[in-house]
N, C-alpha and C. Protein backbone atom coordinates (compact mmCIF):
# COMPACT_ATOMS: atom_id res chain seq x y z
N MET A 1 -51.41 14.18 138.83
CA MET A 1 -50.76 14.27 140.68
C MET A 1 -51.00 15.01 141.30
N LEU A 2 -51.79 15.62 142.60
CA LEU A 2 -51.16 16.45 142.95
C LEU A 2 -50.84 16.32 144.46
N VAL A 3 -49.60 17.00 144.56
CA VAL A 3 -48.31 16.29 145.74
C VAL A 3 -48.40 17.66 146.56
N LEU A 4 -48.71 17.09 147.83
CA LEU A 4 -48.40 17.80 149.14
C LEU A 4 -47.73 17.38 150.44
N SER A 5 -47.14 18.20 150.84
CA SER A 5 -46.15 18.42 151.92
C SER A 5 -46.80 18.37 153.25
N ARG A 6 -46.56 17.67 154.13
CA ARG A 6 -47.27 17.76 155.44
C ARG A 6 -46.43 17.02 156.41
N GLN A 7 -46.59 17.68 157.64
CA GLN A 7 -46.02 17.18 158.99
C GLN A 7 -46.55 16.51 159.25
N ARG A 8 -46.06 15.75 160.85
CA ARG A 8 -46.39 14.63 161.35
C ARG A 8 -47.79 15.45 162.52
N ASP A 9 -49.02 15.06 162.21
CA ASP A 9 -50.42 15.60 163.25
C ASP A 9 -50.90 16.62 162.05
N GLU A 10 -50.47 16.84 160.81
CA GLU A 10 -51.07 17.18 159.79
C GLU A 10 -52.28 16.78 159.22
N VAL A 11 -53.04 17.16 158.37
CA VAL A 11 -54.37 16.41 157.65
C VAL A 11 -54.78 17.24 156.32
N ILE A 12 -54.86 15.94 155.66
CA ILE A 12 -55.58 16.42 154.07
C ILE A 12 -56.52 15.88 154.36
N MET A 13 -57.93 16.82 153.36
CA MET A 13 -59.17 16.25 153.49
C MET A 13 -59.17 16.12 151.92
N ILE A 14 -60.40 15.27 151.43
CA ILE A 14 -60.69 14.72 150.30
C ILE A 14 -62.09 14.53 150.46
N GLY A 15 -62.15 16.15 149.98
CA GLY A 15 -64.13 16.28 149.87
C GLY A 15 -64.13 16.74 151.06
N ASP A 16 -65.37 16.62 151.90
CA ASP A 16 -66.27 16.65 152.92
C ASP A 16 -65.73 15.40 153.95
N ASP A 17 -65.72 14.28 153.32
CA ASP A 17 -65.97 13.16 154.29
C ASP A 17 -64.36 12.06 154.67
N ILE A 18 -63.33 12.62 153.84
CA ILE A 18 -62.31 11.49 153.70
C ILE A 18 -60.85 12.38 154.00
N GLU A 19 -60.57 12.21 155.10
CA GLU A 19 -59.47 12.86 156.34
C GLU A 19 -58.10 12.03 155.80
N ILE A 20 -56.77 12.43 155.65
CA ILE A 20 -55.64 11.89 155.73
C ILE A 20 -54.91 12.56 156.25
N ALA A 21 -54.44 11.77 157.96
CA ALA A 21 -53.54 12.12 158.81
C ALA A 21 -52.19 11.55 158.66
N VAL A 22 -51.31 12.99 158.54
CA VAL A 22 -49.84 12.01 159.08
C VAL A 22 -49.33 11.81 160.73
N CYS A 23 -49.56 10.48 160.45
CA CYS A 23 -49.86 9.65 161.97
C CYS A 23 -48.27 10.40 162.71
N ASP A 24 -47.10 9.15 161.93
CA ASP A 24 -45.88 9.50 162.37
C ASP A 24 -44.91 9.13 161.47
N ILE A 25 -44.12 9.91 161.31
CA ILE A 25 -42.65 9.23 160.49
C ILE A 25 -41.70 8.70 161.30
N ARG A 26 -40.80 7.94 160.49
CA ARG A 26 -39.88 7.16 161.11
C ARG A 26 -38.71 6.94 159.87
N GLY A 27 -37.62 7.24 159.52
CA GLY A 27 -36.88 6.99 158.77
C GLY A 27 -37.30 7.30 157.21
N ASP A 28 -37.79 6.68 156.38
CA ASP A 28 -38.69 6.51 155.12
C ASP A 28 -39.63 5.86 155.43
N LYS A 29 -40.32 5.74 156.56
CA LYS A 29 -41.97 5.66 156.21
C LYS A 29 -42.75 6.15 156.85
N VAL A 30 -43.40 6.33 156.04
CA VAL A 30 -44.70 7.59 157.38
C VAL A 30 -46.00 6.59 157.42
N ARG A 31 -46.51 6.82 158.36
CA ARG A 31 -47.87 6.14 159.09
C ARG A 31 -48.68 7.23 158.56
N LEU A 32 -49.96 6.53 158.23
CA LEU A 32 -51.26 7.86 157.51
C LEU A 32 -52.14 6.67 158.63
N GLY A 33 -53.33 7.32 159.41
CA GLY A 33 -54.14 7.42 159.23
C GLY A 33 -55.67 7.91 158.45
N ILE A 34 -56.57 7.55 157.96
CA ILE A 34 -57.46 7.65 157.20
C ILE A 34 -58.91 7.93 158.15
N THR A 35 -59.64 8.91 157.82
CA THR A 35 -61.00 8.60 157.96
C THR A 35 -61.96 8.92 156.86
N ALA A 36 -62.96 8.07 156.82
CA ALA A 36 -63.71 7.61 155.59
C ALA A 36 -65.19 7.17 156.27
N PRO A 37 -66.15 7.33 155.22
CA PRO A 37 -67.26 7.19 155.36
C PRO A 37 -67.04 5.33 155.12
N LYS A 38 -68.00 3.98 155.81
CA LYS A 38 -68.57 2.89 155.82
C LYS A 38 -68.06 1.92 154.42
N GLY A 39 -69.07 3.38 153.54
CA GLY A 39 -69.15 2.27 152.12
C GLY A 39 -67.61 2.79 151.10
N ILE A 40 -66.33 3.41 151.53
CA ILE A 40 -65.68 3.42 150.96
C ILE A 40 -64.42 2.52 151.28
N SER A 41 -63.79 1.49 150.25
CA SER A 41 -62.92 0.38 150.70
C SER A 41 -61.80 1.53 150.67
N ILE A 42 -60.97 1.39 151.70
CA ILE A 42 -59.34 1.21 151.81
C ILE A 42 -58.64 0.46 151.64
N HIS A 43 -57.38 0.07 150.67
CA HIS A 43 -56.67 -0.89 151.07
C HIS A 43 -55.06 -0.08 150.22
N ARG A 44 -54.06 -1.15 150.41
CA ARG A 44 -53.09 -0.50 149.55
C ARG A 44 -53.21 -1.14 148.53
N LYS A 45 -52.22 -0.04 147.43
CA LYS A 45 -52.33 -0.46 146.31
C LYS A 45 -51.93 -1.55 145.74
N GLU A 46 -50.58 -2.34 146.37
CA GLU A 46 -50.29 -3.84 146.15
C GLU A 46 -50.55 -4.70 146.28
N ILE A 47 -51.53 -4.52 146.91
CA ILE A 47 -52.87 -5.67 148.17
C ILE A 47 -54.17 -5.95 146.43
N ILE A 48 -54.45 -4.59 146.31
CA ILE A 48 -55.63 -4.45 145.04
C ILE A 48 -54.81 -5.20 143.69
N ASP A 49 -53.85 -4.59 143.20
CA ASP A 49 -52.84 -5.43 142.62
C ASP A 49 -52.75 -6.91 142.22
N ALA A 50 -52.35 -7.18 143.83
CA ALA A 50 -52.27 -9.02 143.21
C ALA A 50 -53.45 -9.39 143.27
N ILE A 51 -54.54 -9.47 143.71
CA ILE A 51 -56.12 -9.47 144.03
C ILE A 51 -56.37 -9.49 142.44
N ARG A 52 -56.48 -8.31 141.54
CA ARG A 52 -56.61 -8.39 140.28
C ARG A 52 -55.65 -9.46 139.22
N ARG A 53 -54.75 -9.27 139.90
CA ARG A 53 -53.74 -10.41 138.81
C ARG A 53 -53.97 -11.81 139.34
N GLU A 54 -54.25 -12.17 140.35
CA GLU A 54 -54.82 -13.38 140.71
C GLU A 54 -56.23 -13.72 140.29
N ASN A 55 -57.22 -13.22 139.70
CA ASN A 55 -58.52 -12.85 139.53
C ASN A 55 -58.52 -13.13 138.16
N ARG A 56 -57.13 -12.47 137.22
CA ARG A 56 -57.30 -12.14 135.74
C ARG A 56 -56.38 -13.49 135.50
N ALA A 57 -55.74 -14.52 136.65
CA ALA A 57 -55.00 -15.64 136.11
C ALA A 57 -55.87 -16.58 135.95
N ALA A 58 -56.52 -16.66 137.18
CA ALA A 58 -58.48 -17.84 137.67
C ALA A 58 -58.86 -17.41 136.39
N SER A 59 -59.29 -16.87 135.40
CA SER A 59 -60.45 -16.51 134.64
C SER A 59 -59.96 -17.12 133.50
N PRO A 60 -61.40 -18.15 133.18
CA PRO A 60 -61.14 -19.28 131.94
C PRO A 60 -60.62 -18.27 130.84
N ASP A 61 -61.14 -16.72 130.57
CA ASP A 61 -61.14 -16.26 129.50
C ASP A 61 -59.11 -15.54 129.04
N THR A 62 -58.76 -15.96 130.21
CA THR A 62 -57.26 -15.31 130.10
C THR A 62 -56.23 -16.72 129.50
N PRO A 63 -55.32 -16.10 128.09
CA PRO A 63 -55.19 -17.16 127.50
C PRO A 63 -53.56 -17.55 128.52
N ARG A 64 -53.65 -18.74 127.52
CA ARG A 64 -52.38 -19.92 128.41
C ARG A 64 -51.72 -19.85 127.31
N CYS A 65 -50.65 -19.96 128.08
CA CYS A 65 -49.52 -20.32 127.25
C CYS A 65 -49.42 -21.82 126.97
N PRO A 66 -48.87 -22.10 125.75
CA PRO A 66 -49.07 -22.91 125.32
C PRO A 66 -48.04 -23.98 125.51
N ALA A 67 -46.46 -23.84 125.59
CA ALA A 67 -45.81 -24.39 126.12
C ALA A 67 -46.03 -24.85 127.21
N CYS A 68 -46.15 -23.62 128.33
CA CYS A 68 -46.21 -24.50 129.97
C CYS A 68 -47.89 -24.13 130.48
N HIS A 69 -48.34 -23.90 130.25
CA HIS A 69 -50.09 -23.36 130.29
C HIS A 69 -50.47 -22.86 131.19
N LYS A 70 -49.12 -21.95 131.56
CA LYS A 70 -49.27 -20.59 132.65
C LYS A 70 -50.04 -19.29 132.06
N PRO A 71 -50.99 -18.60 132.87
CA PRO A 71 -51.86 -17.99 132.19
C PRO A 71 -50.37 -16.68 131.84
N PHE A 72 -51.10 -16.06 130.66
CA PHE A 72 -50.16 -14.58 130.44
C PHE A 72 -50.84 -13.61 131.01
N ILE A 73 -50.13 -12.70 132.33
CA ILE A 73 -50.78 -11.86 132.60
C ILE A 73 -50.14 -10.84 132.94
N ASP A 74 -50.10 -10.09 133.91
CA ASP A 74 -49.15 -8.46 134.22
C ASP A 74 -47.67 -8.88 133.99
N GLY A 75 -47.07 -8.36 133.19
CA GLY A 75 -46.03 -8.45 132.85
C GLY A 75 -44.95 -9.12 131.60
N GLU A 76 -46.06 -9.74 130.73
CA GLU A 76 -45.73 -10.11 129.71
C GLU A 76 -45.91 -9.03 128.51
N THR A 77 -44.62 -9.24 127.53
CA THR A 77 -44.51 -7.92 126.46
C THR A 77 -45.47 -8.09 125.10
N ARG A 78 -46.68 -7.52 125.30
CA ARG A 78 -47.70 -7.38 124.00
C ARG A 78 -47.00 -6.71 122.79
N ILE A 79 -46.85 -7.23 121.80
CA ILE A 79 -46.27 -6.63 120.16
C ILE A 79 -47.70 -6.35 119.23
N GLY A 80 -48.45 -5.32 118.93
CA GLY A 80 -49.58 -5.14 118.26
C GLY A 80 -49.41 -4.03 117.49
N THR A 81 -51.22 -3.69 116.93
CA THR A 81 -51.48 -3.24 115.99
C THR A 81 -52.28 -2.15 116.65
N GLY A 82 -52.60 -2.10 117.52
CA GLY A 82 -53.58 -1.27 118.27
C GLY A 82 -55.02 -1.20 118.09
N ASP A 83 -55.35 -2.48 117.33
CA ASP A 83 -56.80 -3.15 117.31
C ASP A 83 -57.01 -4.36 117.79
N GLY A 84 -55.96 -4.43 118.91
CA GLY A 84 -56.48 -5.86 119.51
C GLY A 84 -55.86 -7.12 119.03
N THR A 85 -54.52 -6.84 117.84
CA THR A 85 -54.12 -8.57 117.79
C THR A 85 -53.09 -7.95 117.92
N GLY A 86 -51.99 -9.41 118.16
CA GLY A 86 -50.92 -8.86 118.54
C GLY A 86 -50.03 -10.53 119.12
N THR A 87 -49.31 -10.13 119.77
CA THR A 87 -48.27 -11.07 120.55
C THR A 87 -47.67 -11.38 121.32
N LEU A 88 -48.66 -11.99 122.37
CA LEU A 88 -47.91 -12.06 123.67
C LEU A 88 -46.70 -13.28 124.19
N TYR A 89 -45.66 -13.11 124.58
CA TYR A 89 -44.36 -13.36 125.09
C TYR A 89 -44.03 -14.14 126.17
N HIS A 90 -44.12 -14.76 126.99
CA HIS A 90 -44.10 -15.11 127.82
C HIS A 90 -43.21 -15.34 128.46
N PRO A 91 -42.76 -14.73 129.18
CA PRO A 91 -41.57 -14.75 129.82
C PRO A 91 -40.86 -15.50 130.92
N GLU A 92 -41.37 -16.62 131.61
CA GLU A 92 -40.69 -17.84 132.06
C GLU A 92 -40.40 -18.53 130.92
N CYS A 93 -41.15 -18.64 129.80
CA CYS A 93 -40.26 -20.03 128.76
C CYS A 93 -40.06 -20.05 127.34
N ALA A 94 -40.40 -18.56 127.44
CA ALA A 94 -39.96 -17.42 126.12
C ALA A 94 -40.95 -18.22 125.08
N SER A 95 -41.96 -18.54 125.65
CA SER A 95 -43.02 -19.34 124.11
C SER A 95 -43.81 -17.95 124.22
N LYS A 96 -44.62 -17.88 122.64
CA LYS A 96 -45.12 -16.91 122.38
C LYS A 96 -46.57 -16.99 121.64
N LEU A 97 -47.85 -16.43 122.33
CA LEU A 97 -49.23 -16.04 121.31
C LEU A 97 -49.94 -15.41 120.49
N GLU A 98 -50.01 -15.67 119.96
CA GLU A 98 -50.72 -15.08 118.59
C GLU A 98 -52.36 -14.41 119.00
N VAL A 99 -52.06 -13.07 119.90
CA VAL A 99 -54.11 -12.36 120.34
C VAL A 99 -54.81 -12.20 118.54
N LYS A 100 -55.98 -12.50 118.92
CA LYS A 100 -56.78 -11.92 117.41
C LYS A 100 -57.67 -11.03 118.35
N ALA A 101 -58.61 -10.13 118.07
CA ALA A 101 -59.17 -9.21 118.14
C ALA A 101 -60.66 -10.08 118.58
N SER A 102 -61.28 -9.63 119.80
CA SER A 102 -62.80 -10.44 120.25
C SER A 102 -63.67 -9.60 119.60
């Protein structure tokens, strides 16, 4: 990861097409302005992570907890051998599910 220091009204360039400007700094919050081509989507990481979690939970391929039937998604502990097998522990009901390589 490249870490840069910038002050208000200074700009960082990514390639030739993307500009990230420091618009304002208030306390511990920094407001950024981003200029990029229309084909580049720009989102906050926590929004993308939430969408991905919801998509995985809605997938019929997502394993379900045998006790409460909720999906096993981010946040579970997986103990495995590195070959795709292991055990998922469901944090809400303490159930476990054996997983086999597909």
